[in-house]
Amino acid sequence: MDKLWVFADISVGVSSIPNVIGVLALSGVFFELMKDRLSGRNCYATRIIDTSREYVKTPSRTAS
């Protein structure tokens, strides 16, 4: 049973390596966006694209 737990620990550790690499690769982008947001400049802010509600449909209310 102990060998099974060791194998499980190793597999979790190995599978976390790509996630750690991804987090480190994107950390610069994250901090740049947070600085932009917290400073109030919002240089990277986007507009609402779906103004026609074609893609995001909300249920309409019907009179009962």
PDB file of N, CA and C in Angstrom:
ATOM      1  N   MET A   1       0.814  -1.189   0.000  1.00  0.00           N
ATOM      2  CA  MET A   1       0.000   0.000   0.000  1.00  0.00           C
ATOM      3  C   MET A   1       0.864   1.261   0.000  1.00  0.00           C
ATOM      4  N   ASP A   2       2.000   1.205   0.677  1.00  0.00           N
ATOM      5  CA  ASP A   2       2.870   2.376   0.704  1.00  0.00           C
ATOM      6  C   ASP A   2       3.415   2.700  -0.680  1.00  0.00           C
ATOM      7  N   LYS A   3       3.699   1.681  -1.475  1.00  0.00           N
ATOM      8  CA  LYS A   3       4.204   1.908  -2.824  1.00  0.00           C
ATOM      9  C   LYS A   3       3.155   2.598  -3.689  1.00  0.00           C
ATOM     10  N   LEU A   4       1.889   2.303  -3.448  1.00  0.00           N
ATOM     11  CA  LEU A   4       0.817   2.944  -4.193  1.00  0.00           C
ATOM     12  C   LEU A   4       0.761   4.432  -3.886  1.00  0.00           C
ATOM     13  N   TRP A   5       0.904   4.806  -2.618  1.00  0.00           N
ATOM     14  CA  TRP A   5       0.899   6.214  -2.237  1.00  0.00           C
ATOM     15  C   TRP A   5       2.105   6.951  -2.800  1.00  0.00           C
ATOM     16  N   VAL A   6       3.259   6.283  -2.819  1.00  0.00           N
ATOM     17  CA  VAL A   6       4.445   6.899  -3.410  1.00  0.00           C
ATOM     18  C   VAL A   6       4.227   7.140  -4.900  1.00  0.00           C
ATOM     19  N   PHE A   7       3.666   6.165  -5.581  1.00  0.00           N
ATOM     20  CA  PHE A   7       3.365   6.322  -7.008  1.00  0.00           C
ATOM     21  C   PHE A   7       2.369   7.460  -7.223  1.00  0.00           C
ATOM     22  N   ALA A   8       1.353   7.558  -6.393  1.00  0.00           N
ATOM     23  CA  ALA A   8       0.361   8.630  -6.520  1.00  0.00           C
ATOM     24  C   ALA A   8       1.009   9.991  -6.295  1.00  0.00           C
ATOM     25  N   ASP A   9       1.874  10.105  -5.300  1.00  0.00           N
ATOM     26  CA  ASP A   9       2.562  11.366  -5.042  1.00  0.00           C
ATOM     27  C   ASP A   9       3.455  11.770  -6.209  1.00  0.00           C
ATOM     28  N   ILE A  10       4.167  10.807  -6.763  1.00  0.00           N
ATOM     29  CA  ILE A  10       5.046  11.098  -7.901  1.00  0.00           C
ATOM     30  C   ILE A  10       4.230  11.524  -9.117  1.00  0.00           C
ATOM     31  N   SER A  11       3.124  10.858  -9.376  1.00  0.00           N
ATOM     32  CA  SER A  11       2.318  11.210 -10.549  1.00  0.00           C
ATOM     33  C   SER A  11       1.691  12.595 -10.408  1.00  0.00           C
ATOM     34  N   VAL A  12       1.274  12.949  -9.205  1.00  0.00           N
ATOM     35  CA  VAL A  12       0.729  14.297  -8.992  1.00  0.00           C
ATOM     36  C   VAL A  12       1.833  15.337  -9.158  1.00  0.00           C
ATOM     37  N   GLY A  13       3.006  15.047  -8.643  1.00  0.00           N
ATOM     38  CA  GLY A  13       4.122  15.979  -8.780  1.00  0.00           C
ATOM     39  C   GLY A  13       4.531  16.182 -10.228  1.00  0.00           C
ATOM     40  N   VAL A  14       4.599  15.103 -10.989  1.00  0.00           N
ATOM     41  CA  VAL A  14       4.983  15.199 -12.402  1.00  0.00           C
ATOM     42  C   VAL A  14       3.919  15.947 -13.198  1.00  0.00           C
ATOM     43  N   SER A  15       2.658  15.711 -12.897  1.00  0.00           N
ATOM     44  CA  SER A  15       1.596  16.387 -13.652  1.00  0.00           C
ATOM     45  C   SER A  15       1.487  17.865 -13.298  1.00  0.00           C
ATOM     46  N   SER A  16       2.043  18.287 -12.176  1.00  0.00           N
ATOM     47  CA  SER A  16       1.979  19.703 -11.814  1.00  0.00           C
ATOM     48  C   SER A  16       3.077  20.526 -12.483  1.00  0.00           C
ATOM     49  N   ILE A  17       4.096  19.876 -13.024  1.00  0.00           N
ATOM     50  CA  ILE A  17       5.202  20.609 -13.650  1.00  0.00           C
ATOM     51  C   ILE A  17       4.736  21.482 -14.822  1.00  0.00           C
ATOM     52  N   PRO A  18       3.923  20.991 -15.766  1.00  0.00           N
ATOM     53  CA  PRO A  18       3.454  21.885 -16.840  1.00  0.00           C
ATOM     54  C   PRO A  18       2.624  23.060 -16.320  1.00  0.00           C
ATOM     55  N   ASN A  19       1.858  22.850 -15.252  1.00  0.00           N
ATOM     56  CA  ASN A  19       1.073  23.945 -14.683  1.00  0.00           C
ATOM     57  C   ASN A  19       1.970  25.015 -14.093  1.00  0.00           C
ATOM     58  N   VAL A  20       3.017  24.619 -13.406  1.00  0.00           N
ATOM     59  CA  VAL A  20       3.947  25.587 -12.821  1.00  0.00           C
ATOM     60  C   VAL A  20       4.645  26.371 -13.927  1.00  0.00           C
ATOM     61  N   ILE A  21       5.028  25.697 -14.992  1.00  0.00           N
ATOM     62  CA  ILE A  21       5.666  26.377 -16.121  1.00  0.00           C
ATOM     63  C   ILE A  21       4.706  27.397 -16.738  1.00  0.00           C
ATOM     64  N   GLY A  22       3.448  27.013 -16.904  1.00  0.00           N
ATOM     65  CA  GLY A  22       2.453  27.930 -17.455  1.00  0.00           C
ATOM     66  C   GLY A  22       2.209  29.134 -16.570  1.00  0.00           C
ATOM     67  N   VAL A  23       2.141  28.920 -15.281  1.00  0.00           N
ATOM     68  CA  VAL A  23       1.933  30.033 -14.343  1.00  0.00           C
ATOM     69  C   VAL A  23       3.113  30.993 -14.392  1.00  0.00           C
ATOM     70  N   LEU A  24       4.316  30.461 -14.416  1.00  0.00           N
ATOM     71  CA  LEU A  24       5.493  31.322 -14.485  1.00  0.00           C
ATOM     72  C   LEU A  24       5.567  32.075 -15.808  1.00  0.00           C
ATOM     73  N   ALA A  25       5.169  31.419 -16.894  1.00  0.00           N
ATOM     74  CA  ALA A  25       5.211  32.075 -18.202  1.00  0.00           C
ATOM     75  C   ALA A  25       4.201  33.211 -18.301  1.00  0.00           C
ATOM     76  N   LEU A  26       3.053  33.073 -17.649  1.00  0.00           N
ATOM     77  CA  LEU A  26       2.006  34.096 -17.728  1.00  0.00           C
ATOM     78  C   LEU A  26       2.027  35.103 -16.589  1.00  0.00           C
ATOM     79  N   SER A  27       2.932  34.959 -15.646  1.00  0.00           N
ATOM     80  CA  SER A  27       2.920  35.854 -14.488  1.00  0.00           C
ATOM     81  C   SER A  27       3.219  37.295 -14.887  1.00  0.00           C
ATOM     82  N   GLY A  28       4.085  37.504 -15.869  1.00  0.00           N
ATOM     83  CA  GLY A  28       4.371  38.865 -16.314  1.00  0.00           C
ATOM     84  C   GLY A  28       3.146  39.533 -16.908  1.00  0.00           C
ATOM     85  N   VAL A  29       2.396  38.797 -17.701  1.00  0.00           N
ATOM     86  CA  VAL A  29       1.165  39.320 -18.294  1.00  0.00           C
ATOM     87  C   VAL A  29       0.159  39.654 -17.204  1.00  0.00           C
ATOM     88  N   PHE A  30       0.024  38.776 -16.221  1.00  0.00           N
ATOM     89  CA  PHE A  30      -0.921  38.998 -15.135  1.00  0.00           C
ATOM     90  C   PHE A  30      -0.581  40.269 -14.367  1.00  0.00           C
ATOM     91  N   PHE A  31       0.688  40.437 -14.009  1.00  0.00           N
ATOM     92  CA  PHE A  31       1.067  41.619 -13.231  1.00  0.00           C
ATOM     93  C   PHE A  31       0.916  42.900 -14.048  1.00  0.00           C
ATOM     94  N   GLU A  32       1.166  42.838 -15.348  1.00  0.00           N
ATOM     95  CA  GLU A  32       0.965  44.003 -16.199  1.00  0.00           C
ATOM     96  C   GLU A  32      -0.517  44.391 -16.245  1.00  0.00           C
ATOM     97  N   LEU A  33      -1.399  43.403 -16.394  1.00  0.00           N
ATOM     98  CA  LEU A  33      -2.835  43.689 -16.415  1.00  0.00           C
ATOM     99  C   LEU A  33      -3.336  44.203 -15.074  1.00  0.00           C
ATOM    100  N   MET A  34      -2.803  43.659 -13.975  1.00  0.00           N
ATOM    101  CA  MET A  34      -3.221  44.137 -12.648  1.00  0.00           C
ATOM    102  C   MET A  34      -2.760  45.565 -12.405  1.00  0.00           C
ATOM    103  N   LYS A  35      -1.543  45.909 -12.820  1.00  0.00           N
ATOM    104  CA  LYS A  35      -1.071  47.294 -12.679  1.00  0.00           C
ATOM    105  C   LYS A  35      -1.950  48.238 -13.480  1.00  0.00           C
ATOM    106  N   ASP A  36      -2.316  47.840 -14.697  1.00  0.00           N
ATOM    107  CA  ASP A  36      -3.169  48.659 -15.543  1.00  0.00           C
ATOM    108  C   ASP A  36      -4.531  48.872 -14.900  1.00  0.00           C
ATOM    109  N   ARG A  37      -5.105  47.802 -14.370  1.00  0.00           N
ATOM    110  CA  ARG A  37      -6.439  47.883 -13.758  1.00  0.00           C
ATOM    111  C   ARG A  37      -6.416  48.720 -12.483  1.00  0.00           C
ATOM    112  N   LEU A  38      -5.425  48.495 -11.627  1.00  0.00           N
ATOM    113  CA  LEU A  38      -5.368  49.201 -10.348  1.00  0.00           C
ATOM    114  C   LEU A  38      -5.002  50.678 -10.516  1.00  0.00           C
ATOM    115  N   SER A  39      -4.278  51.015 -11.575  1.00  0.00           N
ATOM    116  CA  SER A  39      -3.921  52.418 -11.796  1.00  0.00           C
ATOM    117  C   SER A  39      -5.092  53.211 -12.371  1.00  0.00           C
ATOM    118  N   GLY A  40      -6.084  52.518 -12.913  1.00  0.00           N
ATOM    119  CA  GLY A  40      -7.250  53.193 -13.478  1.00  0.00           C
ATOM    120  C   GLY A  40      -7.093  53.569 -14.938  1.00  0.00           C
ATOM    121  N   ARG A  41      -5.958  53.242 -15.564  1.00  0.00           N
ATOM    122  CA  ARG A  41      -5.750  53.573 -16.974  1.00  0.00           C
ATOM    123  C   ARG A  41      -6.631  52.732 -17.885  1.00  0.00           C
ATOM    124  N   ASN A  42      -6.751  51.445 -17.585  1.00  0.00           N
ATOM    125  CA  ASN A  42      -7.564  50.503 -18.369  1.00  0.00           C
ATOM    126  C   ASN A  42      -7.206  50.522 -19.853  1.00  0.00           C
ATOM    127  N   CYS A  43      -5.917  50.501 -20.145  1.00  0.00           N
ATOM    128  CA  CYS A  43      -5.456  50.464 -21.545  1.00  0.00           C
ATOM    129  C   CYS A  43      -5.864  49.178 -22.231  1.00  0.00           C
ATOM    130  N   TYR A  44      -6.012  48.121 -21.461  1.00  0.00           N
ATOM    131  CA  TYR A  44      -6.317  46.819 -22.050  1.00  0.00           C
ATOM    132  C   TYR A  44      -7.796  46.452 -21.934  1.00  0.00           C
ATOM    133  N   ALA A  45      -8.636  47.389 -21.549  1.00  0.00           N
ATOM    134  CA  ALA A  45     -10.064  47.107 -21.397  1.00  0.00           C
ATOM    135  C   ALA A  45     -10.682  46.854 -22.767  1.00  0.00           C
ATOM    136  N   THR A  46     -11.674  45.995 -22.806  1.00  0.00           N
ATOM    137  CA  THR A  46     -12.350  45.671 -24.058  1.00  0.00           C
ATOM    138  C   THR A  46     -13.790  46.161 -24.014  1.00  0.00           C
ATOM    139  N   ARG A  47     -14.357  46.321 -25.203  1.00  0.00           N
ATOM    140  CA  ARG A  47     -15.756  46.726 -25.299  1.00  0.00           C
ATOM    141  C   ARG A  47     -16.642  45.493 -25.254  1.00  0.00           C
ATOM    142  N   ILE A  48     -17.899  45.725 -25.000  1.00  0.00           N
ATOM    143  CA  ILE A  48     -18.868  44.635 -25.092  1.00  0.00           C
ATOM    144  C   ILE A  48     -19.149  44.404 -26.574  1.00  0.00           C
ATOM    145  N   ILE A  49     -18.899  43.221 -27.053  1.00  0.00           N
ATOM    146  CA  ILE A  49     -19.033  42.930 -28.473  1.00  0.00           C
ATOM    147  C   ILE A  49     -20.449  42.495 -28.828  1.00  0.00           C
ATOM    148  N   ASP A  50     -21.098  41.785 -27.934  1.00  0.00           N
ATOM    149  CA  ASP A  50     -22.402  41.200 -28.251  1.00  0.00           C
ATOM    150  C   ASP A  50     -23.529  42.168 -27.908  1.00  0.00           C
ATOM    151  N   THR A  51     -23.582  43.306 -28.586  1.00  0.00           N
ATOM    152  CA  THR A  51     -24.639  44.269 -28.305  1.00  0.00           C
ATOM    153  C   THR A  51     -25.979  43.842 -28.879  1.00  0.00           C
ATOM    154  N   SER A  52     -25.975  42.972 -29.887  1.00  0.00           N
ATOM    155  CA  SER A  52     -27.229  42.532 -30.500  1.00  0.00           C
ATOM    156  C   SER A  52     -27.860  41.364 -29.751  1.00  0.00           C
ATOM    157  N   ARG A  53     -27.171  40.847 -28.738  1.00  0.00           N
ATOM    158  CA  ARG A  53     -27.629  39.690 -27.956  1.00  0.00           C
ATOM    159  C   ARG A  53     -27.825  38.459 -28.838  1.00  0.00           C
ATOM    160  N   GLU A  54     -27.059  38.395 -29.920  1.00  0.00           N
ATOM    161  CA  GLU A  54     -27.186  37.260 -30.822  1.00  0.00           C
ATOM    162  C   GLU A  54     -26.582  35.996 -30.217  1.00  0.00           C
ATOM    163  N   TYR A  55     -25.473  36.145 -29.476  1.00  0.00           N
ATOM    164  CA  TYR A  55     -24.789  34.979 -28.939  1.00  0.00           C
ATOM    165  C   TYR A  55     -25.177  34.679 -27.492  1.00  0.00           C
ATOM    166  N   VAL A  56     -25.400  35.714 -26.717  1.00  0.00           N
ATOM    167  CA  VAL A  56     -25.785  35.525 -25.321  1.00  0.00           C
ATOM    168  C   VAL A  56     -27.258  35.892 -25.211  1.00  0.00           C
ATOM    169  N   LYS A  57     -28.086  34.897 -25.087  1.00  0.00           N
ATOM    170  CA  LYS A  57     -29.521  35.145 -25.030  1.00  0.00           C
ATOM    171  C   LYS A  57     -29.998  35.001 -23.587  1.00  0.00           C
ATOM    172  N   THR A  58     -30.767  35.970 -23.163  1.00  0.00           N
ATOM    173  CA  THR A  58     -31.346  35.905 -21.829  1.00  0.00           C
ATOM    174  C   THR A  58     -32.803  35.493 -21.964  1.00  0.00           C
ATOM    175  N   PRO A  59     -33.303  34.747 -21.006  1.00  0.00           N
ATOM    176  CA  PRO A  59     -34.710  34.325 -21.119  1.00  0.00           C
ATOM    177  C   PRO A  59     -35.631  35.537 -21.016  1.00  0.00           C
ATOM    178  N   SER A  60     -36.614  35.565 -21.880  1.00  0.00           N
ATOM    179  CA  SER A  60     -37.569  36.684 -21.843  1.00  0.00           C
ATOM    180  C   SER A  60     -38.662  36.356 -20.830  1.00  0.00           C
ATOM    181  N   ARG A  61     -39.110  37.389 -20.193  1.00  0.00           N
ATOM    182  CA  ARG A  61     -40.174  37.210 -19.193  1.00  0.00           C
ATOM    183  C   ARG A  61     -41.528  37.299 -19.892  1.00  0.00           C
ATOM    184  N   THR A  62     -42.370  36.376 -19.597  1.00  0.00           N
ATOM    185  CA  THR A  62     -43.704  36.387 -20.174  1.00  0.00           C
ATOM    186  C   THR A  62     -44.716  36.679 -19.075  1.00  0.00           C
ATOM    187  N   ALA A  63     -45.759  37.357 -19.453  1.00  0.00           N
ATOM    188  CA  ALA A  63     -46.804  37.682 -18.482  1.00  0.00           C
ATOM    189  C   ALA A  63     -47.588  36.427 -18.147  1.00  0.00           C
ATOM    190  N   SER A  64     -47.802  36.200 -16.866  1.00  0.00           N
ATOM    191  CA  SER A  64     -48.542  35.004 -16.450  1.00  0.00           C
ATOM    192  C   SER A  64     -49.979  35.303 -16.204  1.00  0.00           C
TER     193      SER A  64
END
